[in-house]
């Protein structure tokens, strides 16, 4: 499988898209039950190069008002922290989402209505062994008009930002594919919404889904004092994508240099890497806060979370440039 040439961009898309998704469910999306894998809740099929496929999608509006949304094909990506996600309608299709021949379309459902739609795709004639995961999804965002012919002008039927979808998992000669991986590439620390957060960036350069076991030990570079030991399972690092795994710390770290020893295990294969990261400013919160200071803390937390957000994006862009340079050599 081609390494999707924009591996880190896929991770970047995952970081940029979905921080404001509502927990309410104005629409429910489901596949045809007779074809859906009972455990994965997805269409799961073997690929035949050059074949044409069609996937039914049932969209239900359980609310008491009319709802308008965009039905589209997306690439599956890891969610920030844990879980799975998928790209926005305006993002580039870097994987199997590009195989769909049915264009994005605006759909409108009356209160209580269910409609069935069909999404067609054509599999390329030349496909590398591996696993290809896409999502047939719906997306609604009245605060962000999508400037394309299929979406049109900003919608007024709903005030909620929402997305949901059904995965399509296509496998092709997996026995010949490169095994799944989870390489530690970078570590970072920040204060997010008032909480100390340590993050590790893991990249799956393999050709199928990776669900690694992760172990992390953090020590101060000076004095070799251990400050954190953590382990657990990580899920949904799709082929050719990167996952940002987050760990919330009980206490903020003091200013200085730290070493993170990161171990990942996938199907019996273990990778160990020591990553250096800096804490450039010790952040302490006052124990005596007035109402005014609490308001200012909210502003400061928002600002720091944005700094952290764009800092991670910059880190990803740098890693992409380094990777492409090394690969070209």
Protein backbone atom coordinates (compact mmCIF):
# COMPACT_ATOMS: atom_id res chain seq x y z
CA UNK A 1 0.00 0.00 0.00
CA UNK A 2 1.20 3.50 -0.78
CA UNK A 3 2.03 5.30 2.45
CA UNK A 4 -0.73 7.75 1.55
CA UNK A 5 2.03 10.28 0.81
CA UNK A 6 0.35 12.65 3.24
CA UNK A 7 0.48 10.52 6.36
CA UNK A 8 0.90 13.38 8.77
CA UNK A 9 -1.67 15.49 6.96
CA UNK A 10 -4.20 12.79 7.79
CA UNK A 11 -3.26 13.22 11.43
CA UNK A 12 -3.49 16.98 11.04
CA UNK A 13 -7.02 16.65 9.67
CA UNK A 14 -7.90 14.61 12.72
CA UNK A 15 -6.69 17.39 14.99
CA UNK A 16 -8.52 20.17 13.20
CA UNK A 17 -12.04 18.99 12.77
CA UNK A 18 -14.33 18.03 15.57
CA UNK A 19 -13.87 19.78 18.90
CA UNK A 20 -17.41 21.22 18.86
CA UNK A 21 -19.50 18.18 17.92
CA UNK A 22 -22.71 18.05 19.93
CA UNK A 23 -23.64 14.98 21.97
CA UNK A 24 -27.24 15.30 20.83
CA UNK A 25 -28.34 13.12 17.91
CA UNK A 26 -30.51 14.92 15.36
CA UNK A 27 -29.81 12.12 12.85
CA UNK A 28 -29.17 8.38 13.12
CA UNK A 29 -27.15 6.61 10.43
CA UNK A 30 -27.15 2.84 9.82
CA UNK A 31 -26.16 0.34 7.16
CA UNK A 32 -28.17 -2.56 5.78
CA UNK A 33 -28.39 -4.99 8.71
CA UNK A 34 -27.96 -8.15 6.60
CA UNK A 35 -24.59 -6.91 5.33
CA UNK A 36 -23.25 -5.21 8.47
CA UNK A 37 -20.58 -7.04 10.49
CA UNK A 38 -22.23 -7.72 13.88
CA UNK A 39 -19.14 -7.00 16.01
CA UNK A 40 -17.59 -4.15 14.03
CA UNK A 41 -20.91 -2.52 13.06
CA UNK A 42 -19.44 -1.85 9.61
CA UNK A 43 -19.52 -3.11 6.05
CA UNK A 44 -16.60 -5.55 5.88
CA UNK A 45 -15.70 -7.07 2.50
CA UNK A 46 -12.84 -8.41 0.42
CA UNK A 47 -11.64 -6.27 -2.47
CA UNK A 48 -11.82 -7.28 -6.13
CA UNK A 49 -9.73 -4.79 -8.15
CA UNK A 50 -11.83 -2.93 -10.70
CA UNK A 51 -15.08 -4.03 -9.06
CA UNK A 52 -18.03 -1.69 -8.48
CA UNK A 53 -19.81 -1.67 -5.11
CA UNK A 54 -22.96 -0.09 -3.72
CA UNK A 55 -23.67 0.52 -0.04
CA UNK A 56 -27.16 1.34 1.30
CA UNK A 57 -27.32 3.93 4.08
CA UNK A 58 -30.45 4.56 6.17
CA UNK A 59 -30.69 8.05 7.67
CA UNK A 60 -33.35 8.70 10.33
CA UNK A 61 -34.48 12.02 11.75
CA UNK A 62 -35.77 11.26 15.28
CA UNK A 63 -36.41 14.91 16.11
CA UNK A 64 -39.66 16.86 15.88
CA UNK A 65 -38.34 19.31 13.27
CA UNK A 66 -37.01 19.15 9.72
CA UNK A 67 -33.25 18.52 9.45
CA UNK A 68 -30.89 19.18 6.54
CA UNK A 69 -27.39 17.66 6.33
CA UNK A 70 -24.65 16.68 3.89
CA UNK A 71 -24.22 13.01 2.94
CA UNK A 72 -20.62 12.33 1.90
CA UNK A 73 -17.72 9.86 1.82
CA UNK A 74 -14.83 10.37 4.27
CA UNK A 75 -11.54 8.77 5.27
CA UNK A 76 -11.37 7.06 8.66
CA UNK A 77 -8.84 8.62 11.07
CA UNK A 78 -8.01 8.15 14.75
CA UNK A 79 -9.76 10.42 17.21
CA UNK A 80 -7.70 12.61 19.52
CA UNK A 81 -7.01 10.70 22.72
CA UNK A 82 -8.97 7.53 21.95
CA UNK A 83 -11.48 6.09 19.51
CA UNK A 84 -12.19 6.62 15.82
CA UNK A 85 -13.15 9.60 13.72
CA UNK A 86 -13.45 10.66 10.09
CA UNK A 87 -12.60 13.61 7.92
CA UNK A 88 -14.65 16.70 7.09
CA UNK A 89 -16.41 17.22 3.76
CA UNK A 90 -13.91 19.95 2.86
CA UNK A 91 -10.84 17.76 3.53
CA UNK A 92 -8.90 16.04 0.77
CA UNK A 93 -9.73 12.38 0.15
CA UNK A 94 -6.39 10.63 0.71
CA UNK A 95 -7.60 7.04 1.01
CA UNK A 96 -10.56 4.91 0.00
CA UNK A 97 -12.92 7.89 0.22
CA UNK A 98 -11.59 8.83 -3.23
CA UNK A 99 -13.03 5.59 -4.67
CA UNK A 100 -16.67 6.69 -4.28
CA UNK A 101 -18.38 7.72 -7.49
CA UNK A 102 -21.54 9.05 -5.81
CA UNK A 103 -21.01 12.78 -5.21
CA UNK A 104 -21.69 14.54 -1.91
CA UNK A 105 -25.35 15.43 -1.66
CA UNK A 106 -27.58 17.58 0.51
CA UNK A 107 -30.37 15.61 2.17
CA UNK A 108 -33.45 16.89 4.02
CA UNK A 109 -35.58 14.72 6.30
CA UNK A 110 -38.88 15.66 7.86
CA UNK A 111 -39.57 15.03 11.55
CA UNK A 112 -39.58 11.28 12.23
CA UNK A 113 -38.67 10.40 8.64
CA UNK A 114 -36.24 7.68 7.48
CA UNK A 115 -34.72 7.69 4.00
CA UNK A 116 -32.43 5.18 2.27
CA UNK A 117 -29.56 6.42 0.13
CA UNK A 118 -27.03 4.50 -1.97
CA UNK A 119 -23.33 5.29 -2.14
CA UNK A 120 -21.47 3.73 -5.09
CA UNK A 121 -17.73 3.20 -5.46
CA UNK A 122 -15.36 1.83 -8.06
CA UNK A 123 -12.28 0.03 -6.76
CA UNK A 124 -9.10 0.90 -8.71
CA UNK A 125 -7.68 -1.69 -11.10
CA UNK A 126 -4.34 -1.63 -9.30
CA UNK A 127 -4.60 -2.02 -5.52
CA UNK A 128 -1.79 -2.84 -3.11
CA UNK A 129 -2.37 -5.53 -0.45
CA UNK A 130 -3.78 -4.01 2.70
CA UNK A 131 -6.85 -2.68 4.48
CA UNK A 132 -8.80 0.37 3.31
CA UNK A 133 -11.27 2.03 5.69
CA UNK A 134 -13.69 4.76 4.67
CA UNK A 135 -16.84 6.20 6.23
CA UNK A 136 -20.20 7.08 4.71
CA UNK A 137 -21.26 9.97 6.89
CA UNK A 138 -23.60 12.87 7.44
CA UNK A 139 -22.40 16.28 8.54
CA UNK A 140 -24.24 19.36 9.82
CA UNK A 141 -22.72 22.71 10.76
CA UNK A 142 -24.95 25.80 10.39
CA UNK A 143 -22.17 28.06 11.67
CA UNK A 144 -19.82 27.12 8.83
CA UNK A 145 -21.30 27.30 5.33
CA UNK A 146 -19.54 24.83 3.03
CA UNK A 147 -18.87 26.61 -0.24
CA UNK A 148 -19.50 23.94 -2.85
CA UNK A 149 -22.28 23.07 -5.24
CA UNK A 150 -23.55 20.04 -3.34
CA UNK A 151 -23.91 21.80 0.02
CA UNK A 152 -25.00 25.24 -1.13
CA UNK A 153 -25.76 28.09 1.21
CA UNK A 154 -25.75 27.96 4.99
CA UNK A 155 -28.64 25.87 6.31
CA UNK A 156 -31.19 27.18 8.83
CA UNK A 157 -33.09 24.00 9.77
CA UNK A 158 -30.83 23.17 12.72
CA UNK A 159 -28.57 24.94 15.19
CA UNK A 160 -26.43 21.90 16.05
CA UNK A 161 -23.02 20.78 14.81
CA UNK A 162 -23.18 17.04 14.25
CA UNK A 163 -21.69 14.13 12.33
CA UNK A 164 -22.26 10.38 12.26
CA UNK A 165 -21.38 7.59 9.87
CA UNK A 166 -20.96 3.92 8.97
CA UNK A 167 -17.53 2.44 8.26
CA UNK A 168 -16.70 0.52 5.10
CA UNK A 169 -13.73 -1.82 5.69
CA UNK A 170 -12.23 -3.31 2.53
CA UNK A 171 -9.48 -5.94 2.76
CA UNK A 172 -7.21 -7.09 -0.06
CA UNK A 173 -4.72 -9.97 0.33
CA UNK A 174 -3.98 -9.07 3.96
CA UNK A 175 -1.59 -12.00 4.34
CA UNK A 176 0.75 -10.22 1.91
CA UNK A 177 0.36 -6.77 3.45
CA UNK A 178 2.87 -5.05 5.70
CA UNK A 179 1.99 -5.84 9.35
CA UNK A 180 0.38 -3.08 11.45
CA UNK A 181 2.73 -0.88 13.44
CA UNK A 182 2.73 1.84 16.09
CA UNK A 183 5.98 3.80 16.01
CA UNK A 184 6.46 6.49 18.69
CA UNK A 185 7.46 9.69 16.86
CA UNK A 186 7.04 12.59 19.28
CA UNK A 187 5.99 13.59 22.79
CA UNK A 188 4.50 16.83 24.06
CA UNK A 189 3.20 18.41 27.26
CA UNK A 190 0.71 21.22 27.77
CA UNK A 191 -2.07 22.54 29.95
CA UNK A 192 -5.44 21.91 28.30
CA UNK A 193 -8.58 23.33 29.93
CA UNK A 194 -6.75 23.63 33.22
CA UNK A 195 -5.47 20.03 33.18
CA UNK A 196 -1.91 18.84 32.63
CA UNK A 197 -1.83 16.65 29.52
CA UNK A 198 0.98 14.50 28.14
CA UNK A 199 0.66 13.36 24.51
CA UNK A 200 2.42 10.76 22.38
CA UNK A 201 2.22 10.67 18.60
CA UNK A 202 2.09 7.11 17.22
CA UNK A 203 2.33 6.35 13.51
CA UNK A 204 1.09 3.21 11.79
CA UNK A 205 3.19 2.68 8.67
CA UNK A 206 1.68 -0.77 8.23
CA UNK A 207 -1.10 -1.70 5.85
CA UNK A 208 -3.89 -2.59 8.27
CA UNK A 209 -5.52 -1.45 11.51
CA UNK A 210 -3.20 -1.25 14.50
CA UNK A 211 -4.43 -1.59 18.09
CA UNK A 212 -1.22 -1.49 20.17
CA UNK A 213 -0.51 -1.87 23.84
CA UNK A 214 1.28 1.24 25.09
CA UNK A 215 3.65 1.73 28.03
CA UNK A 216 5.06 5.13 29.02
CA UNK A 217 7.60 6.10 31.69
CA UNK A 218 8.50 9.77 32.17
CA UNK A 219 11.61 10.82 34.07
CA UNK A 220 13.28 14.16 34.67
CA UNK A 221 16.44 14.37 32.60
CA UNK A 222 18.29 15.97 35.49
CA UNK A 223 18.33 13.65 38.49
CA UNK A 224 16.60 10.77 36.68
CA UNK A 225 13.49 11.09 38.85
CA UNK A 226 10.47 9.17 37.61
CA UNK A 227 7.32 11.27 37.49
CA UNK A 228 4.88 9.03 35.60
CA UNK A 229 4.35 5.37 34.72
CA UNK A 230 1.35 4.48 32.55
CA UNK A 231 0.20 1.59 30.40
CA UNK A 232 -2.93 0.64 28.53
CA UNK A 233 -4.46 -0.37 25.23
CA UNK A 234 -4.72 2.01 22.28
CA UNK A 235 -7.25 1.51 19.53
CA UNK A 236 -7.96 2.55 15.96
CA UNK A 237 -4.69 3.59 14.34
CA UNK A 238 -5.68 3.03 10.73
CA UNK A 239 -3.18 2.09 8.03
CA UNK A 240 -1.13 5.09 7.01
CA UNK A 241 -2.38 7.39 9.78
CA UNK A 242 -1.13 8.82 13.06
CA UNK A 243 -2.82 8.84 16.46
CA UNK A 244 -2.35 11.36 19.25
CA UNK A 245 -2.66 9.47 22.54
CA UNK A 246 -3.34 11.74 25.51
CA UNK A 247 -2.79 11.11 29.21
CA UNK A 248 -4.10 13.50 31.85
CA UNK A 249 -1.69 13.98 34.74
CA UNK A 250 -2.68 14.47 38.34
CA UNK A 251 -0.15 17.28 38.77
CA UNK A 252 1.48 19.73 36.40
CA UNK A 253 5.18 19.27 35.62
CA UNK A 254 7.84 21.70 36.73
CA UNK A 255 9.96 23.56 34.23
CA UNK A 256 12.78 21.50 32.73
CA UNK A 257 13.71 18.68 30.37
CA UNK A 258 12.07 15.26 30.52
CA UNK A 259 12.56 11.87 28.90
CA UNK A 260 9.62 9.71 27.89
CA UNK A 261 10.39 6.04 27.35
CA UNK A 262 7.62 4.78 25.09
CA UNK A 263 7.01 1.10 24.32
CA UNK A 264 4.41 -0.20 21.90
CA UNK A 265 3.49 -3.83 21.27
CA UNK A 266 1.51 -4.92 18.20
CA UNK A 267 0.91 -8.61 17.47
CA UNK A 268 3.96 -9.60 19.52
CA UNK A 269 6.26 -7.00 17.92
CA UNK A 270 7.64 -4.45 20.41
CA UNK A 271 9.11 -1.04 19.64
CA UNK A 272 10.92 1.07 22.24
CA UNK A 273 11.90 4.72 21.83
CA UNK A 274 13.05 7.44 24.22
CA UNK A 275 11.58 10.84 23.38
CA UNK A 276 12.80 14.17 24.76
CA UNK A 277 10.34 16.94 25.56
CA UNK A 278 10.58 20.27 27.35
CA UNK A 279 8.38 22.01 29.88
CA UNK A 280 9.28 25.62 29.24
CA UNK A 281 7.13 27.25 31.88
CA UNK A 282 5.99 25.94 35.25
CA UNK A 283 2.26 26.68 35.48
CA UNK A 284 0.72 26.97 38.92
CA UNK A 285 -2.85 27.84 39.84
CA UNK A 286 -3.60 30.09 42.81
CA UNK A 287 -5.21 28.39 45.77
CA UNK A 288 -7.25 31.51 46.51
CA UNK A 289 -9.32 32.60 43.54
CA UNK A 290 -11.93 35.32 43.50
CA UNK A 291 -14.82 35.38 41.06
CA UNK A 292 -12.84 37.76 38.83
CA UNK A 293 -9.74 35.56 38.85
CA UNK A 294 -11.83 32.51 38.00
CA UNK A 295 -13.14 34.33 34.95
CA UNK A 296 -9.57 35.23 33.94
CA UNK A 297 -8.51 31.61 34.44
CA UNK A 298 -11.18 30.54 31.97
CA UNK A 299 -9.71 32.94 29.41
CA UNK A 300 -6.19 31.74 30.15
CA UNK A 301 -7.20 28.08 29.83
CA UNK A 302 -8.81 28.79 26.49
CA UNK A 303 -5.67 30.59 25.30
CA UNK A 304 -3.37 27.82 26.49
CA UNK A 305 -5.53 25.14 24.87
CA UNK A 306 -5.26 27.02 21.56
CA UNK A 307 -1.48 27.31 21.96
CA UNK A 308 -1.33 23.56 22.58
CA UNK A 309 -3.61 22.89 19.59
CA UNK A 310 -1.50 24.86 17.11
CA UNK A 311 1.73 23.64 18.67
CA UNK A 312 0.79 20.04 17.91
CA UNK A 313 -0.12 21.02 14.34
CA UNK A 314 3.31 22.65 13.89
CA UNK A 315 5.00 19.55 15.30
CA UNK A 316 3.14 17.33 12.83
CA UNK A 317 4.10 19.52 9.87
CA UNK A 318 7.77 19.40 10.91
CA UNK A 319 7.67 15.62 11.27
CA UNK A 320 6.10 15.29 7.82
CA UNK A 321 8.87 17.38 6.26
CA UNK A 322 11.58 15.33 8.00
CA UNK A 323 9.95 12.04 6.99
CA UNK A 324 9.57 13.04 3.33
CA UNK A 325 13.19 14.26 3.24
CA UNK A 326 14.49 10.99 4.67
CA UNK A 327 12.31 8.95 2.35
CA UNK A 328 13.56 10.85 -0.71
CA UNK A 329 17.14 9.95 0.23
